[in-house]
Amino acid sequence: MYNKYKKKKITWLLAAAVLLSVLAMILIAVLQRHTVKNVYVEGNLHYSQEEIKEFVMQGPLGNNSLYLSFKYRNKGIENVPFVDVMDVDILAPDTIKIIVYEKALAGYVRYMDSCMYFDKDGYVMECSDVKTEGVPQITGLSFDYMVLGGKLPVEDEAVFDNVMNLTKLLDKYELEADTIFFHSSGEITIYFGEIKAALGDDSSQLENKMMLLPQFLSKLEGKKGTLRMENLTQDRTDVSFQLEE
């Protein structure tokens, strides 16, 4: 009787061991099949693809698409500086796509050796030591303090509309400015490397000037000086270039 019970117990143990082995093999096969080999990232500007992948693919199973699909199902990744949200799409067992929706940054100002990025309404969104490509520095504004999440304490808040309008025009005409300087007189100067484009203070002619800037800049490549466009209108072509040594 004892031997019969012992044999039955051994049979059950062997069956359990075989079952566990089969389940382990299935689990290993599933994990291997869903190991991420291809990652596509789109919408990123401030962060590199590698940095975005590090944000998303964290933890021991961070490279497993099955785990990622459960982790981020109907849920984006928030609380990442400069990013509103990141969505993760599973395209195939070994392929994922990360879609980055970055915050709409109008520009940045320098404050206490840091870049203070603000949105179209002038609210300071991020503080960073890193300059984001495509976001111009705004100079000529006066302020004594700054609060993260608060509005830039400028005298005339209409400047934020001007900044946003300019950044839209820069994007529209595929121009990348280093600095936008707002003079106290109301005039605007945009810096493109060694070239300064003096646009004057006539906002009604701003788009016309921005539309013509690419062709002027292409002819001035490698030079240093000021492109004087203050008097440029649709009827007048008074544009000159003051060369600097």
C-alpha atoms as a PDB file:
ATOM      1  CA  MET A   1       0.000   0.000   0.000  1.00  0.00           C
ATOM      2  CA  TYR A   2       2.817   2.360   0.938  1.00  0.00           C
ATOM      3  CA  ASN A   3       4.694   1.604  -2.332  1.00  0.00           C
ATOM      4  CA  LYS A   4       1.527   2.233  -4.313  1.00  0.00           C
ATOM      5  CA  TYR A   5       1.045   5.620  -2.614  1.00  0.00           C
ATOM      6  CA  LYS A   6       4.713   6.436  -3.125  1.00  0.00           C
ATOM      7  CA  LYS A   7       4.528   5.585  -6.835  1.00  0.00           C
ATOM      8  CA  LYS A   8       1.400   7.698  -7.221  1.00  0.00           C
ATOM      9  CA  LYS A   9       3.096  10.629  -5.501  1.00  0.00           C
ATOM     10  CA  ILE A  10       6.143  10.291  -7.732  1.00  0.00           C
ATOM     11  CA  THR A  11       3.868  10.175 -10.791  1.00  0.00           C
ATOM     12  CA  TRP A  12       2.153  13.383  -9.713  1.00  0.00           C
ATOM     13  CA  LEU A  13       5.482  15.067  -9.041  1.00  0.00           C
ATOM     14  CA  LEU A  14       6.798  14.029 -12.433  1.00  0.00           C
ATOM     15  CA  ALA A  15       3.598  15.268 -14.095  1.00  0.00           C
ATOM     16  CA  ALA A  16       3.851  18.563 -12.240  1.00  0.00           C
ATOM     17  CA  ALA A  17       7.519  18.891 -13.215  1.00  0.00           C
ATOM     18  CA  VAL A  18       6.694  18.201 -16.861  1.00  0.00           C
ATOM     19  CA  LEU A  19       3.831  20.711 -16.753  1.00  0.00           C
ATOM     20  CA  LEU A  20       6.046  23.347 -15.165  1.00  0.00           C
ATOM     21  CA  SER A  21       8.729  22.680 -17.744  1.00  0.00           C
ATOM     22  CA  VAL A  22       6.204  23.036 -20.579  1.00  0.00           C
ATOM     23  CA  LEU A  23       4.827  26.265 -19.083  1.00  0.00           C
ATOM     24  CA  ALA A  24       8.347  27.599 -18.628  1.00  0.00           C
ATOM     25  CA  MET A  25       9.167  26.786 -22.262  1.00  0.00           C
ATOM     26  CA  ILE A  26       5.955  28.483 -23.419  1.00  0.00           C
ATOM     27  CA  LEU A  27       6.742  31.526 -21.263  1.00  0.00           C
ATOM     28  CA  ILE A  28      10.285  31.721 -22.624  1.00  0.00           C
ATOM     29  CA  ALA A  29       8.981  31.393 -26.184  1.00  0.00           C
ATOM     30  CA  VAL A  30       6.398  34.153 -25.601  1.00  0.00           C
ATOM     31  CA  LEU A  31       8.999  36.442 -24.029  1.00  0.00           C
ATOM     32  CA  GLN A  32      11.434  35.830 -26.869  1.00  0.00           C
ATOM     33  CA  ARG A  33       8.733  36.398 -29.506  1.00  0.00           C
ATOM     34  CA  HIS A  34       7.722  39.688 -27.870  1.00  0.00           C
ATOM     35  CA  THR A  35      11.238  40.994 -27.308  1.00  0.00           C
ATOM     36  CA  VAL A  36      11.343  44.462 -28.836  1.00  0.00           C
ATOM     37  CA  LYS A  37      13.859  44.714 -31.659  1.00  0.00           C
ATOM     38  CA  ASN A  38      12.480  47.700 -33.570  1.00  0.00           C
ATOM     39  CA  VAL A  39      11.530  51.013 -31.985  1.00  0.00           C
ATOM     40  CA  TYR A  40      10.191  53.957 -33.959  1.00  0.00           C
ATOM     41  CA  VAL A  41      10.022  57.377 -32.313  1.00  0.00           C
ATOM     42  CA  GLU A  42       8.222  60.363 -33.771  1.00  0.00           C
ATOM     43  CA  GLY A  43       7.436  63.853 -32.537  1.00  0.00           C
ATOM     44  CA  ASN A  44      10.552  64.191 -30.376  1.00  0.00           C
ATOM     45  CA  LEU A  45      12.494  67.433 -30.508  1.00  0.00           C
ATOM     46  CA  HIS A  46      14.004  68.111 -27.117  1.00  0.00           C
ATOM     47  CA  TYR A  47      15.004  64.502 -26.388  1.00  0.00           C
ATOM     48  CA  SER A  48      16.932  62.039 -28.535  1.00  0.00           C
ATOM     49  CA  GLN A  49      15.438  58.706 -29.585  1.00  0.00           C
ATOM     50  CA  GLU A  50      17.609  56.910 -27.032  1.00  0.00           C
ATOM     51  CA  GLU A  51      16.377  59.167 -24.230  1.00  0.00           C
ATOM     52  CA  ILE A  52      12.747  58.602 -25.229  1.00  0.00           C
ATOM     53  CA  LYS A  53      13.320  54.836 -25.264  1.00  0.00           C
ATOM     54  CA  GLU A  54      14.774  55.036 -21.750  1.00  0.00           C
ATOM     55  CA  PHE A  55      11.671  56.873 -20.518  1.00  0.00           C
ATOM     56  CA  VAL A  56       9.330  54.235 -21.975  1.00  0.00           C
ATOM     57  CA  MET A  57      11.220  50.943 -21.734  1.00  0.00           C
ATOM     58  CA  GLN A  58      11.988  50.900 -18.021  1.00  0.00           C
ATOM     59  CA  GLY A  59      12.241  47.905 -15.684  1.00  0.00           C
ATOM     60  CA  PRO A  60      13.198  44.249 -16.140  1.00  0.00           C
ATOM     61  CA  LEU A  61      10.496  43.676 -18.787  1.00  0.00           C
ATOM     62  CA  GLY A  62      10.866  47.067 -20.396  1.00  0.00           C
ATOM     63  CA  ASN A  63      11.958  45.473 -23.678  1.00  0.00           C
ATOM     64  CA  ASN A  64       8.888  43.219 -23.902  1.00  0.00           C
ATOM     65  CA  SER A  65       6.061  44.441 -26.123  1.00  0.00           C
ATOM     66  CA  LEU A  66       3.450  42.308 -24.340  1.00  0.00           C
ATOM     67  CA  TYR A  67       4.354  43.903 -21.007  1.00  0.00           C
ATOM     68  CA  LEU A  68       4.429  47.383 -22.561  1.00  0.00           C
ATOM     69  CA  SER A  69       1.008  46.879 -24.155  1.00  0.00           C
ATOM     70  CA  PHE A  70      -0.505  46.152 -20.726  1.00  0.00           C
ATOM     71  CA  LYS A  71       1.479  48.852 -18.957  1.00  0.00           C
ATOM     72  CA  TYR A  72       0.501  51.648 -21.334  1.00  0.00           C
ATOM     73  CA  ARG A  73      -2.925  50.452 -22.490  1.00  0.00           C
ATOM     74  CA  ASN A  74      -5.228  53.499 -22.649  1.00  0.00           C
ATOM     75  CA  LYS A  75      -2.591  55.388 -20.708  1.00  0.00           C
ATOM     76  CA  GLY A  76       0.121  57.757 -21.870  1.00  0.00           C
ATOM     77  CA  ILE A  77       3.333  58.697 -20.114  1.00  0.00           C
ATOM     78  CA  GLU A  78       3.153  62.008 -18.322  1.00  0.00           C
ATOM     79  CA  ASN A  79       5.336  64.074 -15.985  1.00  0.00           C
ATOM     80  CA  VAL A  80       8.273  64.133 -18.393  1.00  0.00           C
ATOM     81  CA  PRO A  81       9.822  67.607 -18.759  1.00  0.00           C
ATOM     82  CA  PHE A  82       9.034  69.294 -22.097  1.00  0.00           C
ATOM     83  CA  VAL A  83       6.519  66.541 -22.946  1.00  0.00           C
ATOM     84  CA  ASP A  84       2.723  66.670 -22.623  1.00  0.00           C
ATOM     85  CA  VAL A  85       2.276  62.946 -23.143  1.00  0.00           C
ATOM     86  CA  MET A  86       3.858  59.955 -24.896  1.00  0.00           C
ATOM     87  CA  ASP A  87       1.744  57.191 -26.432  1.00  0.00           C
ATOM     88  CA  VAL A  88       3.050  53.685 -27.094  1.00  0.00           C
ATOM     89  CA  ASP A  89       1.662  51.696 -30.055  1.00  0.00           C
ATOM     90  CA  ILE A  90       2.464  47.999 -30.501  1.00  0.00           C
ATOM     91  CA  LEU A  91       2.908  47.471 -34.245  1.00  0.00           C
ATOM     92  CA  ALA A  92       4.103  43.849 -34.043  1.00  0.00           C
ATOM     93  CA  PRO A  93       5.371  41.469 -31.330  1.00  0.00           C
ATOM     94  CA  ASP A  94       8.897  42.825 -31.841  1.00  0.00           C
ATOM     95  CA  THR A  95       8.061  46.378 -32.949  1.00  0.00           C
ATOM     96  CA  ILE A  96       6.725  49.405 -31.097  1.00  0.00           C
ATOM     97  CA  LYS A  97       6.142  53.053 -32.012  1.00  0.00           C
ATOM     98  CA  ILE A  98       6.478  55.826 -29.446  1.00  0.00           C
ATOM     99  CA  ILE A  99       4.599  59.014 -30.302  1.00  0.00           C
ATOM    100  CA  VAL A 100       5.829  62.078 -28.447  1.00  0.00           C
ATOM    101  CA  TYR A 101       3.620  65.129 -27.980  1.00  0.00           C
ATOM    102  CA  GLU A 102       5.919  67.870 -26.781  1.00  0.00           C
ATOM    103  CA  LYS A 103       4.798  71.036 -25.064  1.00  0.00           C
ATOM    104  CA  ALA A 104       4.327  74.027 -27.357  1.00  0.00           C
ATOM    105  CA  LEU A 105       7.287  76.201 -26.430  1.00  0.00           C
ATOM    106  CA  ALA A 106       7.218  79.766 -27.728  1.00  0.00           C
ATOM    107  CA  GLY A 107      10.721  80.684 -26.611  1.00  0.00           C
ATOM    108  CA  TYR A 108      13.084  80.885 -23.688  1.00  0.00           C
ATOM    109  CA  VAL A 109      14.832  83.538 -21.633  1.00  0.00           C
ATOM    110  CA  ARG A 110      18.088  83.234 -19.735  1.00  0.00           C
ATOM    111  CA  TYR A 111      17.739  83.545 -15.967  1.00  0.00           C
ATOM    112  CA  MET A 112      20.383  82.651 -13.392  1.00  0.00           C
ATOM    113  CA  ASP A 113      22.404  80.664 -15.966  1.00  0.00           C
ATOM    114  CA  SER A 114      19.361  78.546 -16.923  1.00  0.00           C
ATOM    115  CA  CYS A 115      17.022  78.415 -19.911  1.00  0.00           C
ATOM    116  CA  MET A 116      13.490  79.267 -18.777  1.00  0.00           C
ATOM    117  CA  TYR A 117      11.063  78.013 -21.434  1.00  0.00           C
ATOM    118  CA  PHE A 118       7.637  79.592 -21.710  1.00  0.00           C
ATOM    119  CA  ASP A 119       4.450  78.925 -23.685  1.00  0.00           C
ATOM    120  CA  LYS A 120       2.372  81.181 -25.932  1.00  0.00           C
ATOM    121  CA  ASP A 121       0.736  82.826 -22.916  1.00  0.00           C
ATOM    122  CA  GLY A 122       4.032  83.548 -21.212  1.00  0.00           C
ATOM    123  CA  TYR A 123       3.848  80.850 -18.526  1.00  0.00           C
ATOM    124  CA  VAL A 124       7.210  79.393 -17.556  1.00  0.00           C
ATOM    125  CA  MET A 125       6.920  75.679 -18.303  1.00  0.00           C
ATOM    126  CA  GLU A 126      10.404  74.291 -17.803  1.00  0.00           C
ATOM    127  CA  CYS A 127      13.809  75.212 -16.430  1.00  0.00           C
ATOM    128  CA  SER A 128      16.777  73.517 -18.064  1.00  0.00           C
ATOM    129  CA  ASP A 129      20.493  73.820 -18.693  1.00  0.00           C
ATOM    130  CA  VAL A 130      19.919  72.381 -22.163  1.00  0.00           C
ATOM    131  CA  LYS A 131      19.045  74.510 -25.180  1.00  0.00           C
ATOM    132  CA  THR A 132      16.273  72.991 -27.284  1.00  0.00           C
ATOM    133  CA  GLU A 133      16.887  73.178 -31.019  1.00  0.00           C
ATOM    134  CA  GLY A 134      14.266  75.187 -32.868  1.00  0.00           C
ATOM    135  CA  VAL A 135      13.245  77.279 -29.841  1.00  0.00           C
ATOM    136  CA  PRO A 136      14.654  80.822 -30.022  1.00  0.00           C
ATOM    137  CA  GLN A 137      16.061  82.834 -27.149  1.00  0.00           C
ATOM    138  CA  ILE A 138      14.026  85.942 -26.399  1.00  0.00           C
ATOM    139  CA  THR A 139      15.971  89.006 -25.302  1.00  0.00           C
ATOM    140  CA  GLY A 140      15.072  92.591 -24.506  1.00  0.00           C
ATOM    141  CA  LEU A 141      12.523  91.664 -21.838  1.00  0.00           C
ATOM    142  CA  SER A 142      12.956  93.062 -18.329  1.00  0.00           C
ATOM    143  CA  PHE A 143      12.039  91.131 -15.177  1.00  0.00           C
ATOM    144  CA  ASP A 144      13.319  90.916 -11.611  1.00  0.00           C
ATOM    145  CA  TYR A 145      12.125  87.438 -10.682  1.00  0.00           C
ATOM    146  CA  MET A 146      10.729  84.264 -12.185  1.00  0.00           C
ATOM    147  CA  VAL A 147       8.529  81.437 -10.886  1.00  0.00           C
ATOM    148  CA  LEU A 148       8.251  78.019 -12.541  1.00  0.00           C
ATOM    149  CA  GLY A 149       4.618  77.632 -13.557  1.00  0.00           C
ATOM    150  CA  GLY A 150       4.016  81.366 -13.260  1.00  0.00           C
ATOM    151  CA  LYS A 151       3.816  84.043 -15.905  1.00  0.00           C
ATOM    152  CA  LEU A 152       6.874  85.976 -16.993  1.00  0.00           C
ATOM    153  CA  PRO A 153       6.616  89.305 -15.148  1.00  0.00           C
ATOM    154  CA  VAL A 154       6.938  91.639 -18.135  1.00  0.00           C
ATOM    155  CA  GLU A 155       5.505  95.143 -18.418  1.00  0.00           C
ATOM    156  CA  ASP A 156       3.634  94.578 -21.696  1.00  0.00           C
ATOM    157  CA  GLU A 157       2.062  91.119 -22.072  1.00  0.00           C
ATOM    158  CA  ALA A 158       1.366  91.814 -25.750  1.00  0.00           C
ATOM    159  CA  VAL A 159       4.949  90.693 -26.312  1.00  0.00           C
ATOM    160  CA  PHE A 160       3.798  87.065 -25.918  1.00  0.00           C
ATOM    161  CA  ASP A 161       1.497  87.416 -28.946  1.00  0.00           C
ATOM    162  CA  ASN A 162       4.416  88.848 -30.903  1.00  0.00           C
ATOM    163  CA  VAL A 163       6.686  85.980 -29.849  1.00  0.00           C
ATOM    164  CA  MET A 164       4.137  83.336 -30.825  1.00  0.00           C
ATOM    165  CA  ASN A 165       3.422  85.064 -34.137  1.00  0.00           C
ATOM    166  CA  LEU A 166       7.129  85.203 -34.927  1.00  0.00           C
ATOM    167  CA  THR A 167       7.782  81.558 -34.015  1.00  0.00           C
ATOM    168  CA  LYS A 168       4.879  80.486 -36.243  1.00  0.00           C
ATOM    169  CA  LEU A 169       6.277  82.518 -39.129  1.00  0.00           C
ATOM    170  CA  LEU A 170       9.758  81.105 -38.551  1.00  0.00           C
ATOM    171  CA  ASP A 171       8.314  77.605 -38.746  1.00  0.00           C
ATOM    172  CA  LYS A 172       6.169  78.457 -41.780  1.00  0.00           C
ATOM    173  CA  TYR A 173       9.133  79.729 -43.789  1.00  0.00           C
ATOM    174  CA  GLU A 174      11.534  77.086 -42.442  1.00  0.00           C
ATOM    175  CA  LEU A 175      13.768  79.553 -40.660  1.00  0.00           C
ATOM    176  CA  GLU A 176      15.709  78.709 -37.505  1.00  0.00           C
ATOM    177  CA  ALA A 177      16.525  81.773 -35.438  1.00  0.00           C
ATOM    178  CA  ASP A 178      19.017  81.897 -32.602  1.00  0.00           C
ATOM    179  CA  THR A 179      17.648  84.983 -30.874  1.00  0.00           C
ATOM    180  CA  ILE A 180      14.729  87.379 -31.155  1.00  0.00           C
ATOM    181  CA  PHE A 181      15.460  90.796 -29.658  1.00  0.00           C
ATOM    182  CA  PHE A 182      12.589  93.108 -28.708  1.00  0.00           C
ATOM    183  CA  HIS A 183      13.801  96.701 -28.516  1.00  0.00           C
ATOM    184  CA  SER A 184      12.212  99.083 -26.025  1.00  0.00           C
ATOM    185  CA  SER A 185      11.200 101.199 -29.039  1.00  0.00           C
ATOM    186  CA  GLY A 186       9.039  98.344 -30.382  1.00  0.00           C
ATOM    187  CA  GLU A 187      11.441  97.288 -33.124  1.00  0.00           C
ATOM    188  CA  ILE A 188      12.371  93.641 -33.628  1.00  0.00           C
ATOM    189  CA  THR A 189      15.742  92.166 -34.569  1.00  0.00           C
ATOM    190  CA  ILE A 190      16.193  88.464 -35.314  1.00  0.00           C
ATOM    191  CA  TYR A 191      19.620  86.824 -35.161  1.00  0.00           C
ATOM    192  CA  PHE A 192      20.501  84.055 -37.610  1.00  0.00           C
ATOM    193  CA  GLY A 193      24.072  83.133 -36.761  1.00  0.00           C
ATOM    194  CA  GLU A 194      26.242  86.083 -37.857  1.00  0.00           C
ATOM    195  CA  ILE A 195      23.344  87.821 -39.616  1.00  0.00           C
ATOM    196  CA  LYS A 196      21.026  90.248 -37.829  1.00  0.00           C
ATOM    197  CA  ALA A 197      17.700  90.938 -39.548  1.00  0.00           C
ATOM    198  CA  ALA A 198      16.352  94.330 -38.454  1.00  0.00           C
ATOM    199  CA  LEU A 199      12.594  94.154 -39.087  1.00  0.00           C
ATOM    200  CA  GLY A 200      11.480  97.480 -37.653  1.00  0.00           C
ATOM    201  CA  ASP A 201       8.246  97.975 -35.701  1.00  0.00           C
ATOM    202  CA  ASP A 202       5.578  97.667 -38.414  1.00  0.00           C
ATOM    203  CA  SER A 203       3.723  94.469 -37.506  1.00  0.00           C
ATOM    204  CA  SER A 204       1.485  94.742 -40.593  1.00  0.00           C
ATOM    205  CA  GLN A 205       4.503  94.008 -42.822  1.00  0.00           C
ATOM    206  CA  LEU A 206       5.978  91.276 -40.654  1.00  0.00           C
ATOM    207  CA  GLU A 207       4.847  88.276 -42.695  1.00  0.00           C
ATOM    208  CA  ASN A 208       5.956  89.900 -45.941  1.00  0.00           C
ATOM    209  CA  LYS A 209       9.425  90.411 -44.462  1.00  0.00           C
ATOM    210  CA  MET A 210       9.599  86.888 -43.053  1.00  0.00           C
ATOM    211  CA  MET A 211       8.530  85.458 -46.413  1.00  0.00           C
ATOM    212  CA  LEU A 212      11.438  87.213 -48.150  1.00  0.00           C
ATOM    213  CA  LEU A 213      14.031  86.428 -45.472  1.00  0.00           C
ATOM    214  CA  PRO A 214      15.028  82.954 -46.764  1.00  0.00           C
ATOM    215  CA  GLN A 215      16.162  84.287 -50.149  1.00  0.00           C
ATOM    216  CA  PHE A 216      18.107  87.141 -48.546  1.00  0.00           C
ATOM    217  CA  LEU A 217      19.792  84.858 -46.023  1.00  0.00           C
ATOM    218  CA  SER A 218      20.819  82.353 -48.695  1.00  0.00           C
ATOM    219  CA  LYS A 219      22.720  85.121 -50.505  1.00  0.00           C
ATOM    220  CA  LEU A 220      24.439  86.268 -47.300  1.00  0.00           C
ATOM    221  CA  GLU A 221      25.722  82.873 -46.200  1.00  0.00           C
ATOM    222  CA  GLY A 222      29.199  83.133 -44.691  1.00  0.00           C
ATOM    223  CA  LYS A 223      28.926  86.881 -44.119  1.00  0.00           C
ATOM    224  CA  LYS A 224      28.494  88.940 -40.963  1.00  0.00           C
ATOM    225  CA  GLY A 225      26.374  92.041 -40.639  1.00  0.00           C
ATOM    226  CA  THR A 226      22.912  93.573 -40.427  1.00  0.00           C
ATOM    227  CA  LEU A 227      20.150  93.088 -42.979  1.00  0.00           C
ATOM    228  CA  ARG A 228      18.093  96.275 -42.814  1.00  0.00           C
ATOM    229  CA  MET A 229      14.459  95.512 -43.649  1.00  0.00           C
ATOM    230  CA  GLU A 230      12.728  98.243 -41.629  1.00  0.00           C
ATOM    231  CA  ASN A 231      11.349 100.052 -44.691  1.00  0.00           C
ATOM    232  CA  LEU A 232      10.429  96.979 -46.710  1.00  0.00           C
ATOM    233  CA  THR A 233       6.793  96.877 -47.860  1.00  0.00           C
ATOM    234  CA  GLN A 234       4.897  95.261 -50.687  1.00  0.00           C
ATOM    235  CA  ASP A 235       5.471  98.422 -52.740  1.00  0.00           C
ATOM    236  CA  ARG A 236       8.971  99.305 -51.541  1.00  0.00           C
ATOM    237  CA  THR A 237      12.027  97.104 -51.744  1.00  0.00           C
ATOM    238  CA  ASP A 238      14.317  99.205 -49.562  1.00  0.00           C
ATOM    239  CA  VAL A 239      16.627  96.497 -48.233  1.00  0.00           C
ATOM    240  CA  SER A 240      20.320  96.963 -47.552  1.00  0.00           C
ATOM    241  CA  PHE A 241      23.070  95.001 -45.903  1.00  0.00           C
ATOM    242  CA  GLN A 242      25.639  96.548 -43.559  1.00  0.00           C
ATOM    243  CA  LEU A 243      28.687  94.351 -43.661  1.00  0.00           C
ATOM    244  CA  GLU A 244      30.690  93.924 -40.482  1.00  0.00           C
ATOM    245  CA  GLU A 245      34.306  92.846 -40.323  1.00  0.00           C
END
